[in-house]
Amino acid sequence: MKPLLTICLTAMAAATLGACAADQTADANPPAGRSCFRPDDVDNWRAGGDRSAIFKVSRNDTWRAGLVGNCSDLNYSEHISLQPRGASSWICTGDDARLIIPSRIGGGGFCDAVEFKKLTPAEAAAKGEKR
C-alpha cells in the first residue's frame, strides 16, 4: 500500500509543479494586442495633479492612472508598490491596480490606481515629462 501512496503523492506533486510552471510561462508575455508593463519596470513616479499619477516605465514609456483614495504621500515616498488586480502580473491599458505608499513615519497607506493609459510622446510632453 505504501508504494502506491508514494506513487500517487509523487504524481500529484509533479502535476502541481507542472501547473505552476505553465502559469509562469503563460504570464511571461503581456496579453496580445494590449500595451502593458510589469510593476517592477516602473522607474519613477509623481502625482499628476487632477487626482492622477504619472509613472515612468522602462525609461521610454509614460503611463497615467487616475487615483481613488488618499494618496497624499505619493510625492514624498521613496518607494511605492503596484499590485495588479486579477491573475496577471501585467498592468495593461484600462486596468486597475492597488498603489501601496509606505508612510515616512511608519506603516503606510494605499489607494487605487485606475484606468491606466500609456501616453503618447505628445501627451507625455504636455504632462511635463521628458523622454
N, C-alpha and C. Protein backbone atom coordinates (compact mmCIF):
# COMPACT_ATOMS: atom_id res chain seq x y z
N MET A 1 0.81 -1.20 0.00
CA MET A 1 0.00 0.00 0.00
C MET A 1 0.85 1.26 0.00
N LYS A 2 1.98 1.23 0.75
CA LYS A 2 2.84 2.41 0.80
C LYS A 2 3.41 2.77 -0.57
N PRO A 3 3.87 1.79 -1.38
CA PRO A 3 4.39 2.18 -2.69
C PRO A 3 3.32 2.87 -3.55
N LEU A 4 2.08 2.42 -3.49
CA LEU A 4 1.01 3.03 -4.25
C LEU A 4 0.78 4.47 -3.78
N LEU A 5 0.80 4.69 -2.46
CA LEU A 5 0.62 6.02 -1.90
C LEU A 5 1.77 6.93 -2.34
N THR A 6 2.98 6.41 -2.32
CA THR A 6 4.14 7.19 -2.74
C THR A 6 4.03 7.58 -4.21
N ILE A 7 3.61 6.67 -5.04
CA ILE A 7 3.44 6.95 -6.48
C ILE A 7 2.36 8.02 -6.67
N CYS A 8 1.25 7.90 -5.96
CA CYS A 8 0.17 8.87 -6.09
C CYS A 8 0.61 10.26 -5.64
N LEU A 9 1.31 10.32 -4.48
CA LEU A 9 1.78 11.61 -3.99
C LEU A 9 2.80 12.22 -4.93
N THR A 10 3.69 11.40 -5.49
CA THR A 10 4.69 11.90 -6.43
C THR A 10 4.01 12.43 -7.70
N ALA A 11 3.02 11.72 -8.18
CA ALA A 11 2.30 12.15 -9.38
C ALA A 11 1.55 13.45 -9.12
N MET A 12 0.95 13.59 -7.94
CA MET A 12 0.23 14.82 -7.60
C MET A 12 1.20 16.00 -7.50
N ALA A 13 2.36 15.78 -6.89
CA ALA A 13 3.34 16.85 -6.76
C ALA A 13 3.85 17.28 -8.13
N ALA A 14 4.12 16.32 -9.00
CA ALA A 14 4.60 16.64 -10.35
C ALA A 14 3.54 17.42 -11.13
N ALA A 15 2.29 17.03 -10.99
CA ALA A 15 1.21 17.73 -11.69
C ALA A 15 1.07 19.16 -11.17
N THR A 16 1.19 19.33 -9.86
CA THR A 16 1.10 20.67 -9.27
C THR A 16 2.25 21.55 -9.73
N LEU A 17 3.47 21.04 -9.71
CA LEU A 17 4.62 21.81 -10.16
C LEU A 17 4.52 22.13 -11.64
N GLY A 18 4.02 21.20 -12.42
CA GLY A 18 3.84 21.44 -13.85
C GLY A 18 2.82 22.54 -14.11
N ALA A 19 1.76 22.57 -13.32
CA ALA A 19 0.75 23.61 -13.47
C ALA A 19 1.32 24.97 -13.09
N CYS A 20 2.15 25.02 -12.05
CA CYS A 20 2.78 26.29 -11.66
C CYS A 20 3.71 26.78 -12.76
N ALA A 21 4.49 25.89 -13.32
CA ALA A 21 5.40 26.27 -14.40
C ALA A 21 4.63 26.77 -15.61
N ALA A 22 3.51 26.12 -15.91
CA ALA A 22 2.69 26.55 -17.05
C ALA A 22 2.12 27.93 -16.81
N ASP A 23 1.70 28.23 -15.55
CA ASP A 23 1.18 29.55 -15.23
C ASP A 23 2.24 30.62 -15.40
N GLN A 24 3.48 30.34 -14.97
CA GLN A 24 4.55 31.32 -15.10
C GLN A 24 4.88 31.56 -16.56
N THR A 25 4.89 30.51 -17.36
CA THR A 25 5.19 30.66 -18.77
C THR A 25 4.09 31.45 -19.47
N ALA A 26 2.85 31.19 -19.12
CA ALA A 26 1.72 31.88 -19.75
C ALA A 26 1.76 33.37 -19.42
N ASP A 27 2.26 33.73 -18.25
CA ASP A 27 2.29 35.13 -17.82
C ASP A 27 3.60 35.82 -18.19
N ALA A 28 4.51 35.12 -18.87
CA ALA A 28 5.81 35.70 -19.23
C ALA A 28 5.66 36.79 -20.27
N ASN A 29 4.62 36.73 -21.07
CA ASN A 29 4.38 37.73 -22.12
C ASN A 29 3.09 38.48 -21.83
N PRO A 30 3.03 39.77 -22.20
CA PRO A 30 1.79 40.51 -21.96
C PRO A 30 0.65 39.97 -22.81
N PRO A 31 -0.57 40.25 -22.42
CA PRO A 31 -1.71 39.83 -23.23
C PRO A 31 -1.60 40.40 -24.65
N ALA A 32 -1.92 39.61 -25.62
CA ALA A 32 -1.79 40.01 -27.03
C ALA A 32 -2.67 41.22 -27.33
N GLY A 33 -2.13 42.14 -28.11
CA GLY A 33 -2.89 43.27 -28.60
C GLY A 33 -3.11 44.39 -27.60
N ARG A 34 -2.43 44.35 -26.45
CA ARG A 34 -2.60 45.39 -25.44
C ARG A 34 -1.25 45.98 -25.05
N SER A 35 -1.20 47.26 -24.78
CA SER A 35 0.00 47.88 -24.21
C SER A 35 0.02 47.57 -22.72
N CYS A 36 1.14 47.03 -22.24
CA CYS A 36 1.23 46.59 -20.85
C CYS A 36 2.63 46.85 -20.29
N PHE A 37 2.74 46.80 -18.98
CA PHE A 37 4.04 46.84 -18.31
C PHE A 37 3.95 46.03 -17.03
N ARG A 38 5.11 45.64 -16.53
CA ARG A 38 5.18 44.97 -15.23
C ARG A 38 5.47 46.02 -14.16
N PRO A 39 4.89 45.90 -12.99
CA PRO A 39 5.16 46.87 -11.93
C PRO A 39 6.65 47.04 -11.61
N ASP A 40 7.43 45.99 -11.75
CA ASP A 40 8.87 46.08 -11.47
C ASP A 40 9.59 46.98 -12.46
N ASP A 41 8.98 47.30 -13.59
CA ASP A 41 9.62 48.13 -14.61
C ASP A 41 9.40 49.63 -14.39
N VAL A 42 8.68 50.01 -13.32
CA VAL A 42 8.46 51.42 -13.03
C VAL A 42 9.76 52.01 -12.49
N ASP A 43 10.25 53.06 -13.18
CA ASP A 43 11.50 53.72 -12.78
C ASP A 43 11.26 54.94 -11.90
N ASN A 44 10.13 55.63 -12.09
CA ASN A 44 9.87 56.84 -11.35
C ASN A 44 8.37 57.11 -11.36
N TRP A 45 7.92 57.99 -10.50
CA TRP A 45 6.50 58.31 -10.40
C TRP A 45 6.36 59.69 -9.79
N ARG A 46 5.19 60.26 -9.96
CA ARG A 46 4.84 61.52 -9.30
C ARG A 46 3.33 61.70 -9.38
N ALA A 47 2.83 62.52 -8.49
CA ALA A 47 1.42 62.90 -8.58
C ALA A 47 1.25 63.76 -9.82
N GLY A 48 0.18 63.53 -10.54
CA GLY A 48 -0.03 64.24 -11.79
C GLY A 48 -1.04 65.37 -11.70
N GLY A 49 -1.36 65.81 -10.49
CA GLY A 49 -2.41 66.82 -10.36
C GLY A 49 -3.75 66.13 -10.39
N ASP A 50 -4.74 66.75 -10.91
CA ASP A 50 -6.11 66.24 -11.11
C ASP A 50 -6.36 64.79 -10.68
N ARG A 51 -5.96 64.44 -9.45
CA ARG A 51 -6.18 63.08 -8.87
C ARG A 51 -5.66 62.00 -9.81
N SER A 52 -4.43 62.18 -10.28
CA SER A 52 -3.82 61.17 -11.14
C SER A 52 -2.35 60.99 -10.74
N ALA A 53 -1.75 59.95 -11.25
CA ALA A 53 -0.32 59.68 -11.05
C ALA A 53 0.31 59.42 -12.41
N ILE A 54 1.56 59.83 -12.54
CA ILE A 54 2.33 59.62 -13.75
C ILE A 54 3.45 58.64 -13.41
N PHE A 55 3.60 57.61 -14.22
CA PHE A 55 4.61 56.58 -13.99
C PHE A 55 5.55 56.53 -15.19
N LYS A 56 6.85 56.63 -14.93
CA LYS A 56 7.86 56.41 -15.96
C LYS A 56 8.21 54.93 -15.93
N VAL A 57 8.08 54.30 -17.08
CA VAL A 57 8.27 52.85 -17.17
C VAL A 57 9.36 52.55 -18.18
N SER A 58 10.35 51.78 -17.77
CA SER A 58 11.44 51.34 -18.64
C SER A 58 12.07 52.49 -19.43
N ARG A 59 12.23 53.62 -18.79
CA ARG A 59 12.90 54.81 -19.31
C ARG A 59 12.24 55.46 -20.52
N ASN A 60 11.49 54.76 -21.34
CA ASN A 60 10.94 55.34 -22.56
C ASN A 60 9.44 55.54 -22.57
N ASP A 61 8.74 54.93 -21.65
CA ASP A 61 7.28 54.99 -21.67
C ASP A 61 6.75 55.79 -20.48
N THR A 62 5.67 56.48 -20.70
CA THR A 62 4.99 57.23 -19.65
C THR A 62 3.55 56.75 -19.59
N TRP A 63 3.10 56.44 -18.38
CA TRP A 63 1.74 55.97 -18.15
C TRP A 63 1.05 56.90 -17.17
N ARG A 64 -0.25 57.03 -17.30
CA ARG A 64 -1.08 57.81 -16.39
C ARG A 64 -2.15 56.91 -15.81
N ALA A 65 -2.47 57.14 -14.53
CA ALA A 65 -3.58 56.43 -13.90
C ALA A 65 -4.32 57.41 -12.99
N GLY A 66 -5.63 57.28 -12.95
CA GLY A 66 -6.43 58.05 -12.01
C GLY A 66 -6.23 57.48 -10.61
N LEU A 67 -6.40 58.31 -9.59
CA LEU A 67 -6.22 57.88 -8.20
C LEU A 67 -7.53 57.99 -7.44
N VAL A 68 -7.84 56.95 -6.69
CA VAL A 68 -9.04 56.92 -5.85
C VAL A 68 -8.57 56.59 -4.44
N GLY A 69 -8.91 57.45 -3.48
CA GLY A 69 -8.48 57.24 -2.10
C GLY A 69 -7.44 58.28 -1.71
N ASN A 70 -6.85 58.10 -0.55
CA ASN A 70 -5.88 59.06 -0.03
C ASN A 70 -4.47 58.69 -0.48
N CYS A 71 -3.95 59.40 -1.45
CA CYS A 71 -2.61 59.16 -1.98
C CYS A 71 -1.69 60.34 -1.68
N SER A 72 -1.91 61.01 -0.54
CA SER A 72 -1.23 62.27 -0.27
C SER A 72 0.28 62.15 -0.13
N ASP A 73 0.81 61.00 0.23
CA ASP A 73 2.26 60.85 0.40
C ASP A 73 2.97 60.42 -0.88
N LEU A 74 2.29 60.38 -2.01
CA LEU A 74 2.89 59.86 -3.23
C LEU A 74 4.15 60.62 -3.63
N ASN A 75 4.13 61.94 -3.58
CA ASN A 75 5.31 62.72 -3.99
C ASN A 75 6.45 62.65 -2.98
N TYR A 76 6.20 62.19 -1.78
CA TYR A 76 7.22 62.20 -0.73
C TYR A 76 7.76 60.81 -0.43
N SER A 77 7.20 59.81 -1.01
CA SER A 77 7.62 58.44 -0.72
C SER A 77 8.83 58.05 -1.57
N GLU A 78 9.78 57.37 -0.95
CA GLU A 78 10.94 56.87 -1.68
C GLU A 78 10.65 55.56 -2.39
N HIS A 79 9.61 54.88 -1.97
CA HIS A 79 9.25 53.59 -2.54
C HIS A 79 7.73 53.52 -2.71
N ILE A 80 7.33 52.84 -3.74
CA ILE A 80 5.91 52.52 -3.92
C ILE A 80 5.83 51.08 -4.39
N SER A 81 4.65 50.55 -4.37
CA SER A 81 4.41 49.22 -4.91
C SER A 81 3.09 49.25 -5.65
N LEU A 82 3.07 48.66 -6.83
CA LEU A 82 1.84 48.50 -7.60
C LEU A 82 1.48 47.02 -7.61
N GLN A 83 0.26 46.71 -7.26
CA GLN A 83 -0.22 45.33 -7.28
C GLN A 83 -1.36 45.24 -8.29
N PRO A 84 -1.12 44.54 -9.41
CA PRO A 84 -2.17 44.40 -10.42
C PRO A 84 -3.40 43.70 -9.85
N ARG A 85 -4.54 44.06 -10.35
CA ARG A 85 -5.79 43.35 -10.00
C ARG A 85 -5.91 42.16 -10.93
N GLY A 86 -6.40 41.07 -10.43
CA GLY A 86 -6.59 39.89 -11.27
C GLY A 86 -5.39 38.96 -11.20
N ALA A 87 -5.40 37.98 -12.09
CA ALA A 87 -4.41 36.90 -12.05
C ALA A 87 -3.10 37.24 -12.75
N SER A 88 -3.09 38.21 -13.63
CA SER A 88 -1.90 38.53 -14.40
C SER A 88 -0.95 39.41 -13.59
N SER A 89 0.35 39.30 -13.88
CA SER A 89 1.33 40.18 -13.24
C SER A 89 1.58 41.42 -14.09
N TRP A 90 0.83 41.62 -15.16
CA TRP A 90 0.96 42.76 -16.05
C TRP A 90 -0.11 43.80 -15.73
N ILE A 91 0.21 45.06 -15.94
CA ILE A 91 -0.78 46.14 -15.89
C ILE A 91 -0.90 46.65 -17.32
N CYS A 92 -2.10 46.63 -17.85
CA CYS A 92 -2.34 46.99 -19.25
C CYS A 92 -3.28 48.19 -19.33
N THR A 93 -3.38 48.76 -20.51
CA THR A 93 -4.28 49.89 -20.74
C THR A 93 -5.68 49.54 -20.25
N GLY A 94 -6.26 50.43 -19.45
CA GLY A 94 -7.60 50.22 -18.93
C GLY A 94 -7.65 49.46 -17.62
N ASP A 95 -6.53 48.87 -17.19
CA ASP A 95 -6.51 48.08 -15.96
C ASP A 95 -6.48 48.97 -14.72
N ASP A 96 -6.80 48.36 -13.58
CA ASP A 96 -6.70 48.99 -12.28
C ASP A 96 -5.66 48.25 -11.45
N ALA A 97 -5.08 48.94 -10.47
CA ALA A 97 -4.09 48.31 -9.58
C ALA A 97 -4.19 48.95 -8.21
N ARG A 98 -3.66 48.27 -7.23
CA ARG A 98 -3.54 48.84 -5.89
C ARG A 98 -2.19 49.53 -5.81
N LEU A 99 -2.17 50.78 -5.37
CA LEU A 99 -0.94 51.55 -5.19
C LEU A 99 -0.66 51.63 -3.70
N ILE A 100 0.45 51.01 -3.28
CA ILE A 100 0.82 50.99 -1.87
C ILE A 100 1.91 52.03 -1.66
N ILE A 101 1.68 52.92 -0.70
CA ILE A 101 2.59 54.03 -0.43
C ILE A 101 3.02 53.95 1.03
N PRO A 102 4.27 53.51 1.27
CA PRO A 102 4.74 53.47 2.66
C PRO A 102 4.79 54.89 3.25
N SER A 103 4.44 55.01 4.50
CA SER A 103 4.47 56.31 5.16
C SER A 103 5.87 56.62 5.67
N ARG A 104 6.22 57.90 5.70
CA ARG A 104 7.53 58.31 6.22
C ARG A 104 7.63 58.08 7.71
N ILE A 105 6.52 57.99 8.42
CA ILE A 105 6.56 57.83 9.87
C ILE A 105 6.17 56.42 10.30
N GLY A 106 6.20 55.49 9.38
CA GLY A 106 5.85 54.10 9.70
C GLY A 106 4.49 53.75 9.16
N GLY A 107 4.30 52.47 9.00
CA GLY A 107 3.03 52.00 8.45
C GLY A 107 2.93 52.36 6.98
N GLY A 108 1.80 52.81 6.59
CA GLY A 108 1.62 53.19 5.21
C GLY A 108 0.17 53.16 4.83
N GLY A 109 -0.06 53.49 3.60
CA GLY A 109 -1.41 53.52 3.12
C GLY A 109 -1.48 53.00 1.70
N PHE A 110 -2.65 53.02 1.18
CA PHE A 110 -2.83 52.58 -0.21
C PHE A 110 -3.99 53.35 -0.80
N CYS A 111 -4.00 53.36 -2.09
CA CYS A 111 -5.13 53.89 -2.83
C CYS A 111 -5.23 53.07 -4.12
N ASP A 112 -6.25 53.33 -4.86
CA ASP A 112 -6.43 52.60 -6.11
C ASP A 112 -5.98 53.45 -7.28
N ALA A 113 -5.18 52.86 -8.15
CA ALA A 113 -4.78 53.49 -9.41
C ALA A 113 -5.68 52.86 -10.48
N VAL A 114 -6.46 53.69 -11.14
CA VAL A 114 -7.49 53.16 -12.04
C VAL A 114 -7.28 53.65 -13.47
N GLU A 115 -7.74 52.84 -14.39
CA GLU A 115 -7.75 53.15 -15.82
C GLU A 115 -6.38 53.61 -16.32
N PHE A 116 -5.39 52.71 -16.20
CA PHE A 116 -4.05 53.01 -16.70
C PHE A 116 -4.11 53.31 -18.19
N LYS A 117 -3.30 54.29 -18.60
CA LYS A 117 -3.24 54.67 -20.00
C LYS A 117 -1.79 54.97 -20.36
N LYS A 118 -1.31 54.36 -21.43
CA LYS A 118 0.02 54.68 -21.94
C LYS A 118 -0.09 55.97 -22.73
N LEU A 119 0.74 56.94 -22.36
CA LEU A 119 0.68 58.24 -23.03
C LEU A 119 1.53 58.25 -24.29
N THR A 120 1.06 58.97 -25.29
CA THR A 120 1.86 59.19 -26.49
C THR A 120 2.98 60.17 -26.11
N PRO A 121 4.03 60.29 -26.93
CA PRO A 121 5.07 61.28 -26.63
C PRO A 121 4.51 62.70 -26.49
N ALA A 122 3.53 63.06 -27.32
CA ALA A 122 2.93 64.40 -27.24
C ALA A 122 2.16 64.56 -25.92
N GLU A 123 1.42 63.54 -25.50
CA GLU A 123 0.69 63.61 -24.24
C GLU A 123 1.66 63.70 -23.05
N ALA A 124 2.74 62.93 -23.12
CA ALA A 124 3.75 62.95 -22.05
C ALA A 124 4.39 64.34 -21.97
N ALA A 125 4.69 64.94 -23.11
CA ALA A 125 5.28 66.28 -23.13
C ALA A 125 4.30 67.29 -22.53
N ALA A 126 3.02 67.14 -22.81
CA ALA A 126 2.02 68.05 -22.26
C ALA A 126 1.91 67.91 -20.73
N LYS A 127 2.24 66.72 -20.22
CA LYS A 127 2.23 66.47 -18.77
C LYS A 127 3.56 66.86 -18.13
N GLY A 128 4.48 67.40 -18.94
CA GLY A 128 5.77 67.85 -18.41
C GLY A 128 6.81 66.75 -18.32
N GLU A 129 6.62 65.66 -19.02
CA GLU A 129 7.57 64.56 -18.99
C GLU A 129 8.56 64.66 -20.14
N LYS A 130 9.78 64.27 -19.89
CA LYS A 130 10.79 64.21 -20.94
C LYS A 130 11.02 62.76 -21.27
N ARG A 131 11.33 62.49 -22.55
CA ARG A 131 11.62 61.10 -22.94
C ARG A 131 12.98 60.69 -22.53
